[in-house]
Amino acid sequence: MLPVIYHSIYSDFPLPDGHRYPLQKYQLLKTYIEQQPWPVQSFEPEILNSDTLKAIHDAGYVDALITGSLPLVKMRRIGFPWSHALIQRSLTSLGGTTLTVDKAIEQGVAIHLTGGYHHAHHDFGSGFCLFNDLILAANHALSSPTIEKVLIVDCDVHHGDGTATLAQHRSDIVTLSVHCDKNFPSRKPESDIDLPMPIGTDSESYLREFIPCLTLALALHQPDMVIYDAGVDIHTDDELGYMSVCQAGIAKRDSAVFAACKAHQIPVAAVIGGGYRTDQTALVPLHAELIRAALKTYFSNLETHYPNIES
């Protein structure tokens, strides 16, 4: 069974009318998965102890955000109005990403139905990201006796700036960011490996650049674990992406990551990452490609037992 991590709180905190954040897509995706006859097992995370965050984030920033005393200008940079529900949701999702790591180490692969908060820096948040779950997950993975180096493969359309700065002086966390070069954020600090792509990049061009880059990263750094941010905001219809990758291209990208990790016997913890559409139902089939890719890669003869896996 494929481990899938989810909590109903992911789609349950107050936002102003017309807010750009696609809050309902998590519940919509979970409902879609439940409607499929797929071999998945759902796990519900526990809320993360906020003190754990102080290993990667400034303690003053953590405390101010948790208590609601962070200055308004800094909350505006994050992009959410402060609420107790927002903090509970954030800490639960962080617990979900660390649980995804645990399940991936146990079973080889696991998927979190949220996550990818790569714009959170040491002492400030940005771009809908309060705390950086990718670095937190890598730190958590490194506490395992079998993990000495983690590769973060970030395929969200936006550069993983917070992840880059938080891992800047660490040799045990390697960062790979594949992103649109003319998109948020305007300042893009260096990752260990950056693969910027121009506005309008199509599926063929994207895969031609990305797959060899991934292969090189795995060979060069030989990680013991991969944390994969599978953002679908590279899709041609995404409202914040500016790229032109089709759904089939997203499916091939996800399959390439899982196939490479399986070939090297590297456990992979995946988060669904970004995707922005006014009609949030349009995001569900795109994010579902991550589940399909994992099932097809790690479960033999799947098409025989689950013929709609290709649909």
Protein backbone atom coordinates (compact mmCIF):
# COMPACT_ATOMS: atom_id res chain seq x y z
CA MET A 1 0.00 0.00 0.00
CA LEU A 2 1.21 3.48 -0.87
CA PRO A 3 1.39 5.70 2.24
CA VAL A 4 -0.54 8.95 1.76
CA ILE A 5 -0.46 11.56 4.52
CA TYR A 6 -3.40 13.93 4.99
CA HIS A 7 -5.37 15.87 7.61
CA SER A 8 -8.71 17.61 7.15
CA ILE A 9 -7.27 20.79 8.69
CA TYR A 10 -5.28 21.35 5.47
CA SER A 11 -8.35 22.93 3.86
CA ASP A 12 -9.72 24.50 7.01
CA PHE A 13 -8.53 27.96 8.01
CA PRO A 14 -10.12 31.35 7.31
CA LEU A 15 -9.06 33.38 4.26
CA PRO A 16 -10.50 36.60 2.84
CA ASP A 17 -12.80 36.30 -0.17
CA GLY A 18 -10.86 36.15 -3.42
CA HIS A 19 -7.57 35.09 -1.81
CA ARG A 20 -5.17 33.47 -4.30
CA TYR A 21 -4.23 30.53 -2.10
CA PRO A 22 -6.00 27.34 -3.32
CA LEU A 23 -7.19 26.21 0.09
CA GLN A 24 -9.75 23.62 -1.04
CA LYS A 25 -7.52 21.68 -3.41
CA TYR A 26 -6.21 19.44 -0.61
CA GLN A 27 -9.65 18.20 0.37
CA LEU A 28 -10.64 17.86 -3.29
CA LEU A 29 -7.55 15.76 -4.00
CA LYS A 30 -8.08 13.52 -0.98
CA THR A 31 -11.72 12.94 -1.98
CA TYR A 32 -10.64 12.06 -5.52
CA ILE A 33 -8.08 9.53 -4.26
CA GLU A 34 -10.68 7.93 -1.99
CA GLN A 35 -12.94 7.46 -4.99
CA GLN A 36 -10.28 5.45 -6.85
CA PRO A 37 -9.77 1.72 -6.21
CA TRP A 38 -6.06 2.29 -5.62
CA PRO A 39 -3.80 0.53 -3.09
CA VAL A 40 -3.19 3.54 -0.86
CA GLN A 41 -3.19 3.79 2.93
CA SER A 42 -3.98 7.10 4.56
CA PHE A 43 -2.14 8.35 7.65
CA GLU A 44 -3.10 11.36 9.76
CA PRO A 45 -0.24 13.42 11.20
CA GLU A 46 0.05 14.88 14.66
CA ILE A 47 0.77 18.53 15.28
CA LEU A 48 4.47 19.38 15.38
CA ASN A 49 5.98 20.74 18.59
CA SER A 50 6.95 24.31 17.70
CA ASP A 51 10.25 23.97 19.57
CA THR A 52 11.38 21.55 16.85
CA LEU A 53 11.31 24.46 14.40
CA LYS A 54 13.97 26.33 16.35
CA ALA A 55 16.59 23.93 15.01
CA ILE A 56 16.19 25.61 11.60
CA HIS A 57 14.35 28.88 12.25
CA ASP A 58 15.12 31.86 14.46
CA ALA A 59 13.55 31.26 17.89
CA GLY A 60 12.19 34.80 18.10
CA TYR A 61 10.50 34.46 14.72
CA VAL A 62 8.96 31.11 15.68
CA ASP A 63 7.60 32.44 18.96
CA ALA A 64 6.26 35.65 17.42
CA LEU A 65 4.45 33.78 14.66
CA ILE A 66 3.01 31.16 17.00
CA THR A 67 1.71 33.77 19.46
CA GLY A 68 0.37 36.18 16.84
CA SER A 69 2.82 38.95 17.75
CA LEU A 70 4.68 39.02 14.44
CA PRO A 71 4.52 42.56 12.97
CA LEU A 72 1.80 43.08 10.40
CA VAL A 73 4.30 43.98 7.68
CA LYS A 74 5.92 40.55 8.11
CA MET A 75 2.57 38.79 8.00
CA ARG A 76 1.83 40.63 4.76
CA ARG A 77 5.06 39.27 3.33
CA ILE A 78 3.83 35.77 4.15
CA GLY A 79 0.51 36.54 2.47
CA PHE A 80 -1.94 35.28 5.11
CA PRO A 81 -3.84 37.05 7.88
CA TRP A 82 -2.81 35.63 11.25
CA SER A 83 -5.22 33.28 12.98
CA HIS A 84 -4.97 30.48 15.51
CA ALA A 85 -6.36 28.13 12.85
CA LEU A 86 -3.56 29.12 10.46
CA ILE A 87 -0.94 28.20 13.06
CA GLN A 88 -2.62 24.90 13.88
CA ARG A 89 -2.85 24.08 10.19
CA SER A 90 0.79 24.97 9.61
CA LEU A 91 2.11 22.93 12.54
CA THR A 92 -0.04 19.96 11.50
CA SER A 93 1.22 20.11 7.92
CA LEU A 94 4.80 20.24 9.20
CA GLY A 95 4.09 17.13 11.23
CA GLY A 96 2.71 15.64 8.03
CA THR A 97 5.90 16.22 6.07
CA THR A 98 8.04 14.64 8.80
CA LEU A 99 5.63 11.70 8.95
CA THR A 100 5.99 11.37 5.17
CA VAL A 101 9.75 11.06 5.68
CA ASP A 102 9.25 8.31 8.26
CA LYS A 103 6.91 6.35 5.99
CA ALA A 104 9.25 6.75 3.02
CA ILE A 105 12.18 5.39 5.02
CA GLU A 106 10.01 2.44 6.07
CA GLN A 107 8.47 1.67 2.68
CA GLY A 108 10.61 3.37 0.03
CA VAL A 109 8.06 6.03 -0.95
CA ALA A 110 5.37 8.17 0.65
CA ILE A 111 3.31 11.17 -0.44
CA HIS A 112 2.07 14.18 1.50
CA LEU A 113 -1.08 15.83 0.21
CA THR A 114 0.24 19.31 1.00
CA GLY A 115 3.71 20.75 1.68
CA GLY A 116 6.48 22.43 -0.25
CA TYR A 117 6.84 25.62 1.82
CA HIS A 118 10.14 26.57 0.26
CA HIS A 119 9.90 30.38 0.57
CA ALA A 120 10.28 30.36 4.36
CA HIS A 121 13.72 31.61 5.47
CA HIS A 122 15.56 31.47 8.79
CA ASP A 123 13.84 34.48 10.33
CA PHE A 124 11.00 35.41 8.00
CA GLY A 125 8.26 33.85 5.93
CA SER A 126 7.23 34.67 2.39
CA GLY A 127 4.99 33.57 -0.47
CA PHE A 128 2.37 31.66 1.59
CA CYS A 129 5.15 29.88 3.52
CA LEU A 130 5.41 30.28 7.31
CA PHE A 131 8.00 27.59 8.05
CA ASN A 132 10.17 25.57 5.68
CA ASP A 133 8.91 21.98 5.75
CA LEU A 134 11.47 20.79 3.17
CA ILE A 135 14.45 21.70 5.36
CA LEU A 136 12.59 20.47 8.44
CA ALA A 137 11.98 17.15 6.67
CA ALA A 138 15.62 16.87 5.62
CA ASN A 139 16.74 17.59 9.18
CA HIS A 140 14.33 14.97 10.45
CA ALA A 141 15.54 12.40 7.92
CA LEU A 142 19.14 12.96 9.01
CA SER A 143 18.22 11.80 12.52
CA SER A 144 17.76 8.31 11.04
CA PRO A 145 20.85 6.10 11.32
CA THR A 146 20.51 5.14 7.65
CA ILE A 147 20.49 8.72 6.29
CA GLU A 148 23.67 10.81 6.01
CA LYS A 149 22.81 13.04 3.05
CA VAL A 150 19.48 14.32 1.70
CA LEU A 151 18.78 15.72 -1.76
CA ILE A 152 15.84 18.13 -2.03
CA VAL A 153 14.48 18.06 -5.59
CA ASP A 154 12.28 21.14 -5.92
CA CYS A 155 10.23 21.21 -9.12
CA ASP A 156 7.79 23.91 -8.07
CA VAL A 157 7.71 26.66 -10.72
CA HIS A 158 8.99 29.18 -8.16
CA HIS A 159 12.61 29.16 -7.01
CA GLY A 160 13.18 27.54 -3.60
CA ASP A 161 14.84 30.62 -2.12
CA GLY A 162 14.23 29.85 1.55
CA THR A 163 15.43 26.28 1.11
CA ALA A 164 18.59 27.52 -0.61
CA THR A 165 19.49 29.94 2.17
CA LEU A 166 18.69 27.51 4.99
CA ALA A 167 20.90 24.79 3.45
CA GLN A 168 23.61 27.17 2.25
CA HIS A 169 26.29 26.08 4.71
CA ARG A 170 25.31 22.45 5.04
CA SER A 171 26.98 19.56 3.27
CA ASP A 172 24.38 17.02 4.43
CA ILE A 173 21.48 18.75 2.62
CA VAL A 174 21.81 19.29 -1.14
CA THR A 175 19.32 21.57 -2.90
CA LEU A 176 18.19 21.30 -6.52
CA SER A 177 15.72 23.92 -7.77
CA VAL A 178 14.07 23.67 -11.20
CA HIS A 179 12.07 26.83 -11.77
CA CYS A 180 10.91 29.59 -14.11
CA ASP A 181 13.70 32.15 -14.32
CA LYS A 182 11.34 35.17 -14.59
CA ASN A 183 9.01 34.41 -11.72
CA PHE A 184 8.75 34.86 -7.96
CA PRO A 185 10.94 35.51 -6.04
CA SER A 186 12.84 38.32 -7.74
CA ARG A 187 15.97 37.56 -5.71
CA LYS A 188 17.05 33.97 -6.17
CA PRO A 189 19.91 32.89 -3.87
CA GLU A 190 22.03 30.05 -5.20
CA SER A 191 20.94 26.48 -4.59
CA ASP A 192 23.56 23.74 -4.85
CA ILE A 193 22.08 23.14 -8.31
CA ASP A 194 19.83 25.64 -10.07
CA LEU A 195 18.04 24.89 -13.33
CA PRO A 196 16.22 28.05 -14.42
CA MET A 197 13.91 27.73 -17.40
CA PRO A 198 12.46 30.51 -19.58
CA ILE A 199 8.84 31.62 -19.61
CA GLY A 200 6.82 29.38 -21.94
CA THR A 201 9.02 26.28 -21.60
CA ASP A 202 7.08 23.31 -23.02
CA SER A 203 7.01 19.68 -21.88
CA GLU A 204 9.67 18.41 -24.28
CA SER A 205 12.12 21.14 -23.40
CA TYR A 206 11.45 20.81 -19.69
CA LEU A 207 12.04 17.06 -19.61
CA ARG A 208 15.09 17.31 -21.88
CA GLU A 209 16.74 19.61 -19.34
CA PHE A 210 15.41 18.20 -16.09
CA ILE A 211 15.98 14.45 -16.40
CA PRO A 212 19.75 14.67 -17.13
CA CYS A 213 20.08 17.22 -14.34
CA LEU A 214 18.41 14.85 -11.88
CA THR A 215 20.58 11.97 -13.06
CA LEU A 216 23.71 14.06 -12.56
CA ALA A 217 22.62 15.22 -9.10
CA LEU A 218 22.03 11.66 -7.93
CA ALA A 219 25.37 10.47 -9.31
CA LEU A 220 27.34 13.43 -8.01
CA HIS A 221 25.92 13.65 -4.50
CA GLN A 222 24.77 10.05 -3.89
CA PRO A 223 22.04 10.97 -1.39
CA ASP A 224 20.54 8.50 1.04
CA MET A 225 17.12 10.13 0.69
CA VAL A 226 15.25 12.40 -1.71
CA ILE A 227 12.60 14.92 -0.71
CA TYR A 228 10.60 15.79 -3.81
CA ASP A 229 8.51 18.94 -4.23
CA ALA A 230 6.19 18.02 -7.13
CA GLY A 231 4.60 21.41 -7.81
CA VAL A 232 2.17 21.43 -10.73
CA ASP A 233 2.37 25.20 -11.24
CA ILE A 234 4.56 24.49 -14.27
CA HIS A 235 1.31 23.59 -16.08
CA THR A 236 0.38 25.70 -19.09
CA ASP A 237 -2.90 26.86 -17.51
CA ASP A 238 -1.49 27.76 -14.10
CA GLU A 239 -2.33 31.33 -13.13
CA LEU A 240 1.01 32.00 -11.40
CA GLY A 241 3.37 29.76 -13.36
CA TYR A 242 4.12 31.24 -16.83
CA MET A 243 5.32 27.91 -18.23
CA SER A 244 3.74 25.58 -20.79
CA VAL A 245 4.13 22.03 -19.52
CA CYS A 246 1.12 19.78 -20.20
CA GLN A 247 -0.41 17.18 -17.89
CA ALA A 248 1.41 14.36 -19.67
CA GLY A 249 4.68 16.25 -19.13
CA ILE A 250 3.98 16.49 -15.40
CA ALA A 251 3.26 12.75 -15.32
CA LYS A 252 6.58 11.99 -17.07
CA ARG A 253 8.47 14.28 -14.71
CA ASP A 254 7.01 12.58 -11.62
CA SER A 255 7.65 9.12 -13.08
CA ALA A 256 11.25 10.06 -13.86
CA VAL A 257 11.89 11.08 -10.24
CA PHE A 258 10.37 7.92 -8.79
CA ALA A 259 12.09 5.66 -11.34
CA ALA A 260 15.49 7.19 -10.64
CA CYS A 261 15.04 6.89 -6.87
CA LYS A 262 13.84 3.31 -7.13
CA ALA A 263 16.75 2.38 -9.40
CA HIS A 264 19.20 3.71 -6.82
CA GLN A 265 17.19 2.30 -3.87
CA ILE A 266 16.76 5.79 -2.45
CA PRO A 267 13.63 6.41 -0.36
CA VAL A 268 11.64 9.39 -1.60
CA ALA A 269 9.22 11.56 0.39
CA ALA A 270 7.08 13.64 -1.97
CA VAL A 271 4.96 16.71 -1.28
CA ILE A 272 2.44 18.00 -3.81
CA GLY A 273 3.71 21.60 -3.87
CA GLY A 274 2.17 24.52 -5.72
CA GLY A 275 -0.63 24.81 -8.22
CA TYR A 276 -2.85 27.86 -8.67
CA ARG A 277 -6.19 27.96 -10.46
CA THR A 278 -9.39 29.86 -9.71
CA ASP A 279 -11.21 26.62 -10.49
CA GLN A 280 -9.44 24.44 -7.93
CA THR A 281 -11.03 21.26 -9.28
CA ALA A 282 -8.78 21.69 -12.34
CA LEU A 283 -5.75 21.11 -10.08
CA VAL A 284 -6.89 17.68 -8.90
CA PRO A 285 -5.97 15.62 -12.00
CA LEU A 286 -2.60 17.36 -12.15
CA HIS A 287 -1.70 16.57 -8.53
CA ALA A 288 -3.14 13.06 -8.94
CA GLU A 289 -0.41 12.31 -11.47
CA LEU A 290 2.02 12.13 -8.52
CA ILE A 291 -0.04 9.35 -6.96
CA ARG A 292 -0.33 7.50 -10.28
CA ALA A 293 3.40 7.77 -10.92
CA ALA A 294 4.25 6.36 -7.50
CA LEU A 295 1.78 3.50 -7.86
CA LYS A 296 3.01 2.56 -11.34
CA THR A 297 6.66 2.73 -10.28
CA TYR A 298 6.51 0.83 -7.01
CA PHE A 299 3.67 -1.66 -7.59
CA SER A 300 4.06 -4.34 -10.25
CA ASN A 301 1.19 -5.37 -12.54
CA LEU A 302 -0.84 -2.43 -11.32
CA GLU A 303 -2.64 -1.90 -14.63
CA THR A 304 -4.03 -5.45 -14.46
CA HIS A 305 -5.72 -4.89 -11.11
CA TYR A 306 -6.45 -1.16 -11.47
CA PRO A 307 -7.13 -0.46 -15.15
CA ASN A 308 -8.13 3.18 -14.53
CA ILE A 309 -4.65 4.02 -13.26
CA GLU A 310 -3.89 5.47 -16.69
CA SER A 311 -6.99 7.67 -16.89
